[in-house]
Protein backbone atom coordinates (compact mmCIF):
# COMPACT_ATOMS: atom_id res chain seq x y z
CA MET A 1 0.10 -0.23 -0.03
CA LYS A 2 2.89 2.28 1.00
CA LYS A 3 4.68 1.66 -2.45
CA PHE A 4 1.52 2.29 -4.23
CA GLY A 5 0.91 5.70 -2.31
CA LEU A 6 4.65 6.35 -3.35
CA THR A 7 3.90 5.55 -6.91
CA VAL A 8 0.69 7.93 -6.71
CA LEU A 9 2.87 10.73 -5.18
CA THR A 10 5.58 10.58 -7.49
CA ALA A 11 3.15 10.36 -10.67
CA PHE A 12 1.56 13.83 -9.22
CA LEU A 13 4.92 15.24 -8.85
CA GLY A 14 5.97 14.38 -12.06
CA GLY A 15 2.90 15.71 -13.66
CA ALA A 16 2.85 18.96 -11.73
CA LEU A 17 6.48 19.58 -12.86
CA ALA A 18 5.97 18.85 -16.37
CA LEU A 19 2.95 21.30 -16.46
CA GLY A 20 5.01 23.80 -14.73
CA THR A 21 8.02 23.38 -17.11
CA TYR A 22 5.22 23.48 -20.19
CA LYS A 23 3.83 26.90 -18.65
CA VAL A 24 7.33 28.30 -18.78
CA VAL A 25 8.20 27.08 -22.22
CA GLU A 26 4.60 28.44 -23.35
CA HIS A 27 5.56 31.68 -21.82
CA GLN A 28 8.69 32.18 -23.24
CA TYR A 29 7.73 30.91 -26.55
CA SER A 30 4.47 33.04 -26.62
CA SER A 31 6.69 36.23 -25.73
CA ASN A 32 8.66 35.67 -29.37
CA MET A 33 5.45 35.18 -31.24
CA SER A 34 4.63 38.01 -33.89
CA LEU A 35 1.06 39.65 -33.45
CA GLU A 36 -0.36 37.19 -36.20
CA ASP A 37 1.42 34.03 -34.74
CA LYS A 38 -0.56 34.88 -31.51
CA GLN A 39 -3.83 35.09 -33.39
CA LYS A 40 -2.83 32.04 -35.26
CA VAL A 41 -2.74 29.90 -32.13
CA TYR A 42 -5.14 31.55 -30.16
CA PHE A 43 -8.17 30.62 -33.08
CA ALA A 44 -6.59 27.17 -33.51
CA ASN A 45 -7.68 26.70 -29.80
CA ASN A 46 -10.91 29.06 -30.37
CA PRO A 47 -12.30 28.74 -33.80
CA LEU A 48 -15.01 31.32 -34.95
CA PRO A 49 -18.34 29.81 -35.66
CA PRO A 50 -19.40 30.34 -39.03
CA ALA A 51 -21.74 33.02 -40.59
CA ASN A 52 -25.38 32.22 -39.85
CA LEU A 53 -27.88 32.49 -42.37
CA SER A 54 -31.84 33.18 -41.51
CA SER A 55 -34.57 31.34 -42.83
CA ALA A 56 -34.62 33.92 -45.96
CA GLY A 57 -31.06 33.28 -46.77
CA GLU A 58 -29.79 36.65 -45.44
CA VAL A 59 -26.57 36.80 -43.35
CA ASP A 60 -27.42 36.57 -39.58
CA LEU A 61 -25.07 39.39 -37.65
CA THR A 62 -25.28 38.43 -34.28
CA VAL A 63 -23.12 35.75 -33.95
CA ALA A 64 -20.33 38.24 -35.37
CA ALA A 65 -21.43 41.10 -32.77
CA ALA A 66 -21.58 38.73 -29.97
CA GLU A 67 -17.60 37.42 -30.88
CA VAL A 68 -16.42 40.89 -31.56
CA THR A 69 -18.11 43.28 -28.82
CA PRO A 70 -15.77 41.57 -25.67
CA ALA A 71 -12.70 42.52 -27.72
CA VAL A 72 -13.32 46.28 -28.31
CA VAL A 73 -12.21 48.59 -25.44
CA TYR A 74 -12.94 51.95 -24.79
CA ILE A 75 -10.03 54.09 -24.41
CA ARG A 76 -9.72 57.24 -22.28
CA THR A 77 -7.20 59.91 -22.60
CA THR A 78 -5.83 62.74 -20.30
CA TYR A 79 -3.97 65.93 -21.58
CA THR A 80 -2.16 68.40 -19.35
CA ASN A 81 -2.42 71.85 -19.44
CA GLN A 82 0.96 72.17 -20.89
CA ASP A 83 -0.23 70.58 -24.33
CA ASN A 84 -3.37 71.37 -25.43
CA SER A 85 -3.30 70.42 -28.91
CA GLY A 86 -4.51 66.69 -28.33
CA GLN A 87 -7.24 68.09 -26.02
CA ASP A 88 -8.26 70.88 -28.59
CA GLN A 89 -9.13 68.02 -31.40
CA MET A 90 -10.54 65.91 -28.91
CA GLN A 91 -12.82 68.90 -27.52
CA GLN A 92 -13.77 69.07 -31.43
CA LEU A 93 -14.89 65.81 -30.99
CA PHE A 94 -16.60 65.25 -27.77
CA GLY A 95 -17.13 69.12 -26.63
CA ASP A 96 -20.53 69.79 -28.56
CA MET A 97 -21.98 66.32 -27.83
CA PHE A 98 -24.88 67.57 -26.01
CA GLY A 99 -24.72 71.31 -27.46
CA GLN A 100 -22.10 72.51 -24.71
CA ARG A 101 -18.51 72.92 -24.69
CA ALA A 102 -16.51 72.64 -21.37
CA VAL A 103 -14.69 75.23 -20.15
CA PRO A 104 -11.01 74.02 -19.80
CA GLN A 105 -10.29 73.48 -16.16
CA GLY A 106 -7.37 71.60 -15.21
CA PRO A 107 -6.42 68.22 -17.24
CA GLN A 108 -8.66 67.60 -19.95
CA MET A 109 -10.04 64.15 -20.96
CA ALA A 110 -11.35 62.27 -24.21
CA SER A 111 -11.94 59.27 -25.38
CA GLY A 112 -12.02 56.48 -28.35
CA SER A 113 -12.15 52.84 -29.11
CA GLY A 114 -9.53 50.22 -29.53
CA VAL A 115 -9.19 46.52 -30.50
CA ILE A 116 -7.78 43.68 -28.86
CA ILE A 117 -5.45 41.69 -31.07
CA SER A 118 -3.17 39.53 -29.09
CA PRO A 119 -4.25 37.82 -25.91
CA ASP A 120 -1.13 39.32 -24.10
CA GLY A 121 -2.81 42.89 -24.10
CA TYR A 122 -1.65 44.62 -27.41
CA ILE A 123 -4.11 46.64 -28.41
CA VAL A 124 -4.81 48.62 -31.72
CA THR A 125 -6.27 52.10 -32.02
CA ASN A 126 -5.89 55.27 -34.31
CA ASN A 127 -2.97 57.83 -33.73
CA HIS A 128 -5.11 60.81 -33.38
CA VAL A 129 -6.74 58.93 -30.19
CA VAL A 130 -3.58 58.74 -28.25
CA GLU A 131 -1.52 61.39 -29.92
CA LYS A 132 0.29 63.36 -27.06
CA ALA A 133 -1.97 61.90 -24.14
CA SER A 134 -0.22 62.13 -20.88
CA LYS A 135 -2.20 58.95 -19.78
CA VAL A 136 -3.96 56.48 -21.72
CA GLU A 137 -6.56 54.33 -19.96
CA VAL A 138 -8.32 51.28 -21.09
CA VAL A 139 -11.69 49.73 -19.83
CA THR A 140 -12.45 46.42 -21.21
CA ASN A 141 -15.77 44.86 -22.28
CA ASP A 142 -16.20 43.17 -18.82
CA HIS A 143 -15.37 46.74 -17.15
CA ARG A 144 -11.91 46.13 -15.81
CA HIS A 145 -9.66 49.05 -15.94
CA PHE A 146 -6.00 49.48 -16.77
CA THR A 147 -3.50 51.86 -17.70
CA ALA A 148 -1.70 51.38 -21.23
CA LYS A 149 1.73 52.18 -22.35
CA VAL A 150 2.04 53.34 -26.03
CA VAL A 151 4.26 51.07 -27.53
CA GLY A 152 4.61 53.26 -30.73
CA THR A 153 2.43 55.33 -33.44
CA ASP A 154 2.35 55.66 -36.92
CA PRO A 155 1.03 59.15 -37.73
CA ASN A 156 1.41 58.43 -41.68
CA THR A 157 -1.15 55.88 -41.64
CA ASP A 158 -3.20 56.96 -38.33
CA LEU A 159 -2.52 53.89 -36.30
CA ALA A 160 -1.07 53.32 -33.14
CA LEU A 161 -0.34 50.16 -30.90
CA ILE A 162 -0.84 50.24 -27.16
CA LYS A 163 -0.58 47.76 -24.70
CA ILE A 164 -2.35 47.05 -20.96
CA SER A 165 -0.75 44.02 -18.26
CA ALA A 166 -3.27 41.23 -19.05
CA ASP A 167 -3.43 37.88 -19.97
CA ASN A 168 -6.10 35.11 -21.55
CA LEU A 169 -7.82 38.15 -23.27
CA PRO A 170 -10.42 38.04 -25.87
CA ILE A 171 -9.53 39.25 -29.49
CA VAL A 172 -10.61 40.14 -32.73
CA LYS A 173 -9.18 37.57 -35.46
CA PHE A 174 -7.57 39.34 -38.33
CA GLY A 175 -9.37 38.86 -41.95
CA ASN A 176 -8.15 39.68 -45.24
CA SER A 177 -9.06 43.32 -46.54
CA ASP A 178 -7.94 42.62 -50.02
CA ALA A 179 -10.69 40.20 -50.18
CA VAL A 180 -13.60 42.49 -48.96
CA LYS A 181 -16.33 43.11 -51.94
CA VAL A 182 -17.91 46.37 -52.05
CA GLY A 183 -21.61 45.85 -51.07
CA GLU A 184 -21.14 42.83 -48.53
CA TRP A 185 -22.35 43.56 -44.89
CA VAL A 186 -20.30 44.64 -42.19
CA LEU A 187 -20.33 45.63 -38.90
CA ALA A 188 -18.64 48.68 -36.89
CA VAL A 189 -18.30 48.18 -33.13
CA GLY A 190 -16.85 51.01 -31.00
CA ASN A 191 -18.13 53.30 -28.23
CA PRO A 192 -19.69 56.47 -30.00
CA PHE A 193 -20.50 59.50 -28.05
CA ARG A 194 -19.02 57.21 -24.50
CA LEU A 195 -21.86 54.79 -25.43
CA THR A 196 -19.69 51.64 -24.89
CA SER A 197 -20.28 48.71 -26.67
CA THR A 198 -22.19 50.12 -29.76
CA VAL A 199 -22.66 47.80 -32.86
CA THR A 200 -23.70 49.22 -35.99
CA ALA A 201 -24.24 47.65 -39.37
CA GLY A 202 -23.85 49.01 -43.01
CA ILE A 203 -22.32 47.72 -46.34
CA VAL A 204 -18.98 48.46 -48.13
CA SER A 205 -19.59 51.43 -50.08
CA ALA A 206 -16.24 51.71 -51.89
CA LYS A 207 -12.29 50.30 -51.34
CA GLY A 208 -9.12 52.20 -51.96
CA ARG A 209 -10.73 55.79 -50.88
CA GLY A 210 -8.27 58.80 -50.59
CA ILE A 211 -9.82 61.79 -48.71
CA GLY A 212 -6.71 63.32 -48.70
CA ILE A 213 -6.73 64.09 -44.28
CA ILE A 214 -2.95 62.22 -43.56
CA GLY A 215 0.31 63.94 -43.95
CA SER A 216 -0.63 66.15 -46.64
CA GLU A 217 1.05 69.60 -45.97
CA ASN A 218 -1.14 71.34 -48.24
CA ARG A 219 -4.66 70.35 -47.33
CA GLU A 220 -7.18 73.19 -46.20
CA GLN A 221 -6.91 73.91 -42.67
CA ASP A 222 -10.76 73.14 -42.13
CA GLN A 223 -10.93 70.12 -44.54
CA MET A 224 -11.88 66.49 -43.94
CA THR A 225 -10.39 65.57 -40.64
CA PRO A 226 -10.06 62.51 -38.76
CA PHE A 227 -12.61 64.23 -36.48
CA GLY A 228 -15.20 64.37 -39.29
CA ARG A 229 -15.33 67.73 -40.62
CA MET A 230 -15.23 68.55 -44.03
CA ARG A 231 -15.56 71.90 -45.90
CA GLY A 232 -13.69 72.56 -49.09
CA GLN A 233 -11.42 70.34 -51.55
CA ARG A 234 -8.13 68.87 -52.04
CA GLN A 235 -5.65 71.40 -53.13
CA SER A 236 -3.74 70.81 -56.58
CA GLY A 237 0.08 70.87 -56.88
CA LYS A 238 2.91 69.11 -54.94
CA GLN A 239 2.28 67.21 -52.11
CA LEU A 240 4.70 65.31 -49.74
CA ASN A 241 2.38 61.99 -50.06
CA THR A 242 3.84 61.03 -46.46
CA GLY A 243 0.22 60.32 -45.66
CA ILE A 244 -0.81 56.35 -46.72
CA GLU A 245 -4.57 55.99 -47.49
CA SER A 246 -6.65 53.72 -49.20
CA PHE A 247 -9.56 53.70 -46.93
CA ILE A 248 -12.34 51.25 -46.66
CA GLN A 249 -15.49 53.51 -47.24
CA THR A 250 -18.71 52.41 -45.32
CA ASP A 251 -22.41 53.52 -44.40
CA ALA A 252 -22.03 51.56 -41.00
CA ALA A 253 -22.88 54.38 -38.62
CA ILE A 254 -19.61 55.58 -37.26
CA ASN A 255 -19.72 58.57 -34.98
CA PRO A 256 -17.11 60.64 -32.63
CA GLY A 257 -15.72 58.04 -30.30
CA ASN A 258 -15.73 55.34 -32.91
CA SER A 259 -12.15 56.04 -33.63
CA GLY A 260 -10.02 53.20 -33.18
CA GLY A 261 -12.79 50.68 -33.58
CA ALA A 262 -13.36 47.87 -35.26
CA LEU A 263 -14.90 47.27 -38.83
CA VAL A 264 -15.63 43.45 -39.33
CA ASN A 265 -17.06 41.31 -41.55
CA ALA A 266 -20.19 39.02 -41.29
CA ASN A 267 -17.83 36.14 -39.97
CA GLY A 268 -16.45 38.26 -37.20
CA GLU A 269 -13.18 38.92 -38.57
CA LEU A 270 -11.29 42.30 -38.63
CA ILE A 271 -11.25 43.99 -42.04
CA GLY A 272 -10.53 47.73 -40.91
CA ILE A 273 -9.81 50.14 -37.87
CA ASN A 274 -12.40 53.00 -38.43
CA SER A 275 -10.86 56.24 -38.41
CA ALA A 276 -12.67 59.07 -40.08
CA ILE A 277 -16.11 60.27 -41.11
CA ALA A 278 -17.19 62.75 -43.80
CA SER A 279 -19.38 65.22 -42.27
CA GLN A 280 -20.49 68.90 -42.15
CA THR A 281 -21.59 68.37 -38.52
CA GLY A 282 -19.32 66.28 -36.82
CA SER A 283 -21.56 63.27 -36.64
CA TYR A 284 -22.41 60.48 -38.87
CA GLU A 285 -23.94 61.57 -42.31
CA GLY A 286 -23.54 58.46 -44.30
CA TYR A 287 -20.09 57.71 -44.80
CA GLY A 288 -17.28 56.51 -42.90
CA PHE A 289 -13.84 55.14 -43.58
CA ALA A 290 -11.37 52.54 -41.98
CA ILE A 291 -7.76 51.84 -42.54
CA PRO A 292 -7.75 48.28 -44.49
CA ILE A 293 -6.36 45.60 -42.02
CA ASN A 294 -3.67 43.90 -44.64
CA LEU A 295 -2.07 47.70 -44.42
CA ALA A 296 -2.32 47.87 -40.63
CA LYS A 297 -0.56 44.44 -40.23
CA LYS A 298 2.22 45.46 -41.51
CA VAL A 299 2.50 48.79 -39.57
CA LEU A 300 1.66 47.06 -36.05
CA GLY A 301 4.10 44.13 -36.89
CA ASP A 302 6.59 46.84 -37.03
CA ILE A 303 5.72 48.47 -34.16
CA GLU A 304 5.75 45.75 -32.05
CA LYS A 305 8.97 44.06 -33.15
CA TYR A 306 10.96 47.28 -33.56
CA GLY A 307 9.30 50.27 -32.01
CA ALA A 308 8.76 51.91 -35.30
CA VAL A 309 7.62 51.65 -38.63
CA LYS A 310 10.15 50.20 -41.34
CA ARG A 311 9.03 51.69 -44.49
CA GLY A 312 10.41 51.65 -48.05
CA TYR A 313 9.87 55.04 -49.96
CA LEU A 314 9.60 55.49 -53.75
CA GLY A 315 10.58 58.94 -53.54
CA VAL A 316 8.41 60.63 -55.83
CA SER A 317 5.74 63.54 -55.15
CA PHE A 318 2.76 62.77 -58.10
CA LYS A 319 -0.66 64.45 -59.00
CA GLU A 320 -3.65 61.91 -59.69
CA LEU A 321 -4.90 62.74 -63.17
CA ASP A 322 -8.36 63.02 -64.21
CA GLU A 323 -9.49 65.12 -67.65
CA ASP A 324 -9.11 68.63 -65.59
CA ALA A 325 -5.49 67.93 -64.51
CA ALA A 326 -4.65 66.57 -67.73
CA ASN A 327 -5.91 69.46 -69.56
CA ALA A 328 -4.18 71.76 -66.92
CA LEU A 329 -0.96 69.69 -67.77
CA HIS A 330 -1.69 69.79 -71.71
CA ILE A 331 -1.23 65.88 -71.76
CA ASP A 332 -3.60 63.38 -73.35
CA LYS A 333 -3.76 61.15 -70.69
CA ASN A 334 -6.30 61.24 -68.03
CA VAL A 335 -5.82 58.16 -65.90
CA GLY A 336 -2.43 57.34 -63.46
CA LEU A 337 -0.09 59.20 -61.51
CA TYR A 338 1.48 62.04 -62.95
CA ILE A 339 5.20 62.67 -61.43
CA ASP A 340 5.81 66.19 -60.28
CA ASP A 341 9.07 65.60 -58.78
CA VAL A 342 11.66 62.84 -58.32
CA ALA A 343 13.86 62.66 -55.02
CA ALA A 344 17.53 62.84 -55.69
CA ASN A 345 19.08 59.32 -54.61
CA SER A 346 15.50 57.68 -54.15
CA GLY A 347 14.53 54.55 -55.54
CA ALA A 348 12.82 56.15 -58.13
CA ALA A 349 15.65 58.25 -59.29
CA GLN A 350 17.98 55.51 -59.44
CA ALA A 351 15.16 53.40 -61.77
CA GLY A 352 15.44 56.35 -64.08
CA LEU A 353 11.81 57.79 -63.25
CA GLN A 354 11.58 61.38 -64.22
CA HIS A 355 9.25 64.52 -63.93
CA GLY A 356 6.36 64.48 -66.39
CA ASP A 357 6.19 60.48 -66.34
CA ILE A 358 2.99 58.68 -65.70
CA ILE A 359 3.10 55.66 -63.50
CA THR A 360 0.24 53.51 -65.39
CA LYS A 361 0.40 50.22 -63.46
CA VAL A 362 1.92 48.84 -59.95
CA ASN A 363 2.62 45.31 -59.83
CA GLY A 364 0.52 44.79 -63.20
CA LYS A 365 -2.71 46.36 -61.72
CA THR A 366 -4.30 49.62 -63.31
CA VAL A 367 -3.72 53.20 -61.31
CA TYR A 368 -6.65 54.95 -60.93
CA GLU A 369 -5.85 57.00 -57.98
CA SER A 370 -3.05 57.61 -55.30
CA SER A 371 -4.00 54.60 -52.73
CA ASP A 372 -3.34 52.10 -55.83
CA LEU A 373 0.18 52.84 -55.31
CA GLN A 374 0.48 54.08 -51.87
CA GLU A 375 -0.70 50.90 -50.22
CA PRO A 376 1.33 48.57 -52.18
CA VAL A 377 4.58 50.43 -51.09
CA ALA A 378 3.36 50.92 -47.40
CA ARG A 379 3.28 47.08 -47.42
CA LEU A 380 6.79 46.89 -48.04
CA GLN A 381 10.03 47.25 -46.32
CA PRO A 382 13.33 49.04 -47.49
CA GLY A 383 15.16 46.96 -49.81
CA ASP A 384 11.97 45.51 -51.45
CA LYS A 385 11.27 45.72 -55.03
CA ILE A 386 7.78 47.15 -56.71
CA ASN A 387 7.04 47.14 -60.29
CA LEU A 388 5.70 49.83 -62.10
CA THR A 389 4.62 50.43 -65.42
CA VAL A 390 5.59 54.25 -66.62
CA LEU A 391 4.41 56.22 -69.45
CA HIS A 392 7.33 58.19 -70.91
CA ASP A 393 7.44 59.67 -73.89
CA GLY A 394 4.44 58.46 -75.18
CA SER A 395 6.00 54.57 -75.06
CA GLU A 396 5.23 52.37 -71.78
CA ARG A 397 8.52 50.77 -70.41
CA ASN A 398 7.90 48.52 -67.04
CA VAL A 399 10.24 49.40 -64.15
CA SER A 400 11.57 47.54 -61.28
CA VAL A 401 12.06 50.14 -58.23
CA THR A 402 14.25 49.41 -55.18
CA LEU A 403 12.75 50.98 -52.28
CA LYS A 404 15.08 53.00 -49.79
CA ALA A 405 14.82 53.53 -46.27
CA ASP A 406 14.14 57.11 -46.96
CA ALA A 407 12.37 59.39 -49.10
CA GLY A 408 15.75 61.15 -50.35
CA ASN A 409 15.69 65.27 -50.30
CA LEU A 410 12.23 65.47 -51.99
CA ALA A 411 10.68 66.40 -48.52
CA SER A 412 12.84 68.94 -47.55
CA ARG A 413 12.78 70.57 -51.01
CA THR A 414 9.16 70.51 -51.10
CA VAL A 415 8.71 72.07 -47.46
CA MET A 416 11.13 74.93 -48.49
CA ASN A 417 9.15 75.85 -51.82
CA LYS A 418 6.04 76.24 -49.78
CA SER A 419 6.87 79.71 -49.61
CA ALA A 420 7.24 79.81 -53.45
CA GLU A 421 4.05 77.94 -53.95
CA GLU A 422 1.99 80.57 -52.04
CA MET A 423 3.90 83.61 -54.67
CA TYR A 424 2.92 81.70 -57.18
CA ASN A 425 -0.48 81.59 -56.40
CA LYS A 426 -0.27 85.24 -55.79
CA LEU A 427 0.95 85.80 -59.43
CA GLY A 428 -2.48 85.17 -60.55
CA ALA A 429 -1.78 83.88 -63.86
CA SER A 430 -1.68 80.16 -65.69
CA PHE A 431 1.03 79.38 -68.15
CA LYS A 432 2.13 76.66 -70.91
CA PRO A 433 5.71 76.21 -72.72
CA LEU A 434 6.58 78.44 -75.58
CA SER A 435 6.54 76.83 -78.85
CA ALA A 436 9.61 76.31 -81.14
CA ASP A 437 7.90 78.84 -83.48
CA GLN A 438 7.10 81.18 -80.68
CA LYS A 439 10.77 80.88 -79.39
CA ALA A 440 12.15 81.92 -82.77
CA LYS A 441 9.61 84.67 -83.35
CA TYR A 442 10.79 86.37 -80.31
CA HIS A 443 14.55 85.20 -80.62
CA VAL A 444 14.66 83.43 -77.44
CA ASN A 445 16.18 80.00 -75.88
CA SER A 446 13.37 79.79 -73.11
CA GLY A 447 9.96 81.12 -72.12
CA VAL A 448 6.36 80.46 -71.25
CA VAL A 449 3.19 81.85 -72.74
CA VAL A 450 0.65 83.24 -70.29
CA THR A 451 -2.42 81.71 -70.76
CA GLN A 452 -4.74 83.17 -68.06
CA VAL A 453 -4.93 86.16 -66.00
CA ARG A 454 -7.00 86.16 -62.86
CA PRO A 455 -8.57 89.49 -61.76
CA GLY A 456 -7.33 91.42 -58.59
CA LEU A 457 -3.81 89.74 -58.23
CA LEU A 458 -0.23 90.84 -59.55
CA PHE A 459 -0.47 90.12 -63.13
CA ASP A 460 -3.51 91.73 -63.36
CA ASP A 461 -2.59 94.65 -61.08
CA THR A 462 0.59 95.29 -62.84
CA GLN A 463 -1.05 94.65 -66.58
CA ILE A 464 0.72 91.63 -67.86
CA PRO A 465 -2.03 90.30 -70.21
CA VAL A 466 -2.99 87.01 -71.42
CA GLY A 467 -0.52 86.41 -74.42
CA SER A 468 2.55 87.78 -72.81
CA ILE A 469 5.99 85.93 -72.95
CA ILE A 470 7.81 85.44 -69.58
CA THR A 471 11.65 84.45 -70.50
CA SER A 472 12.85 84.56 -66.73
CA ILE A 473 12.29 85.12 -63.17
CA ASN A 474 14.93 86.37 -60.84
CA LYS A 475 17.21 86.16 -63.63
CA GLN A 476 16.57 82.17 -63.91
CA PRO A 477 15.23 81.21 -67.55
CA VAL A 478 11.80 79.51 -67.49
CA ASN A 479 10.11 76.79 -69.69
CA ASN A 480 7.31 75.46 -67.74
CA SER A 481 5.58 76.14 -64.21
CA ASP A 482 8.07 74.07 -62.24
CA ASP A 483 10.60 76.20 -63.50
CA ILE A 484 8.47 79.39 -62.18
CA SER A 485 8.52 77.62 -58.72
CA LYS A 486 12.18 77.23 -58.40
CA ALA A 487 12.65 80.52 -59.69
CA LEU A 488 10.37 82.14 -57.00
CA ALA A 489 12.14 79.97 -54.14
CA ASN A 490 15.00 81.84 -54.88
CA SER A 491 13.32 85.38 -54.09
CA LYS A 492 15.53 87.65 -52.01
CA LYS A 493 13.92 89.74 -49.35
CA GLY A 494 10.48 89.42 -51.36
CA THR A 495 11.93 90.93 -54.50
CA LEU A 496 10.78 89.35 -57.70
CA LEU A 497 12.16 90.35 -61.46
CA ILE A 498 10.10 89.13 -64.12
CA SER A 499 11.60 89.67 -67.92
CA GLY A 500 9.59 88.96 -70.96
CA TYR A 501 7.66 90.46 -74.08
CA TYR A 502 4.37 92.09 -74.28
CA PRO A 503 2.04 90.44 -76.94
CA ASP A 504 2.83 93.00 -79.38
CA GLY A 505 6.54 92.55 -78.96
CA GLY A 506 7.44 95.00 -76.60
CA SER A 507 9.70 93.79 -73.97
CA PHE A 508 9.51 94.54 -70.15
CA ASN A 509 11.55 93.87 -67.05
CA ASN A 510 9.32 94.13 -63.88
CA MET A 511 10.76 94.33 -60.75
CA PHE A 512 8.08 94.02 -57.44
CA GLN A 513 8.40 93.99 -53.83
CA GLN A 514 6.17 91.95 -51.37
CA GLY A 515 3.62 94.46 -50.70
CA ASP A 516 3.24 95.53 -54.25
CA PRO A 517 -0.16 95.54 -55.89
CA GLY A 518 -1.51 92.11 -56.17
CA ASP A 519 0.03 91.14 -52.67
CA ASP A 520 -2.81 89.89 -50.59
CA GLN A 521 -0.96 90.46 -47.30
């Protein structure tokens, strides 16, 4: 009997030791797994039920709602008086909620949503939800409270990864945003107006939508923002293109507080992170926008592994082509991306891309808007290659571009030229290159012809009419609009020297100072 008892005790101790060893190994193994690997392990043990169909054959969204809601959290942020920028943005979201704006007294608070994506506490949300917050608190669906740390953010995609100290949390399964179809049913889950665990339904209205809210140095101040206001249109001209936009558009009701929440399909799979709304009032008016999860996975994986995003850069600024843009550029191609500038030492420059080239395909797919280029590039690392089809001098060629770890010197040059772009607008004129016959007529080697003069601006006030020839600005020859912008950037102390010929052949050398007629200062 004693021998039997000793055997049982030995077996029990051995089992406990084996179990303890397994837990230690399991923890060490889990800590080395990527976010996607953690997802695979979790859902291997906790498979999602299939989407239900009603007796009429319609999709039943109740199962997806039940699966997702426990993993969507309420995020509360605190901003100190020393940094009111984040508070001001959030007050725009939440201060008018009940028709009354709070008077700032002491630390300010705001709120948003987040989605748990790993059982050990990693949560995805929007950068604008946690940006510059001095404290980030998380309230789970079962009313547990945690203080979160911000692991990293990526303003270029409006994503952030935060973490709480917890285990065995429910999570939302990554879906495949590439497989999402326009017209399919989706759910938006979040905390609008501080109403926690709210589920709304709608369909996917569009994919690959660019709305000009992220990273553009040229966007109008009162344009569409992640906080839901839209007045005005996107400005034309060179842009830094640092923002990466390829939103999933949905008519599921999204309101202030949904930012950072989940957009899921009928199977309860995460296909997007809700980020913005198109609205004149700041509240839902029909359309919301979510960051596709296939883009978010790359960003979040980099942040979790490196603390920052390892992004490959092409090194170009560009315009989306449509009929109006093509007419303004005097080209007959109205689909694709017109290259404004190519950064020195960038991957694009080394591949031979030039100003005036038109990107028509990316990895064999036709390009219709900026997201068709930006999202594929954003999923790649420095050193990766991307295949472009480029229209150059009327013929297409295929180019393989190796992405660099930085964008070259294009960004700094574009920022430096911001004042030049403003001065260009103050000229109040449009131009087109001088033809060979016109150059021969005026005996010049360079020049542009004035095609339009807008009332009340410099060319109108100084009586430089349509049909005039501009040969140089600030003693620099000009042959196109880019030459004009570069010459304007070299203006010293606001001095502007414009040389050329009137339509009747008479020459002029007009010098202007900032504040002359036509300057709106």
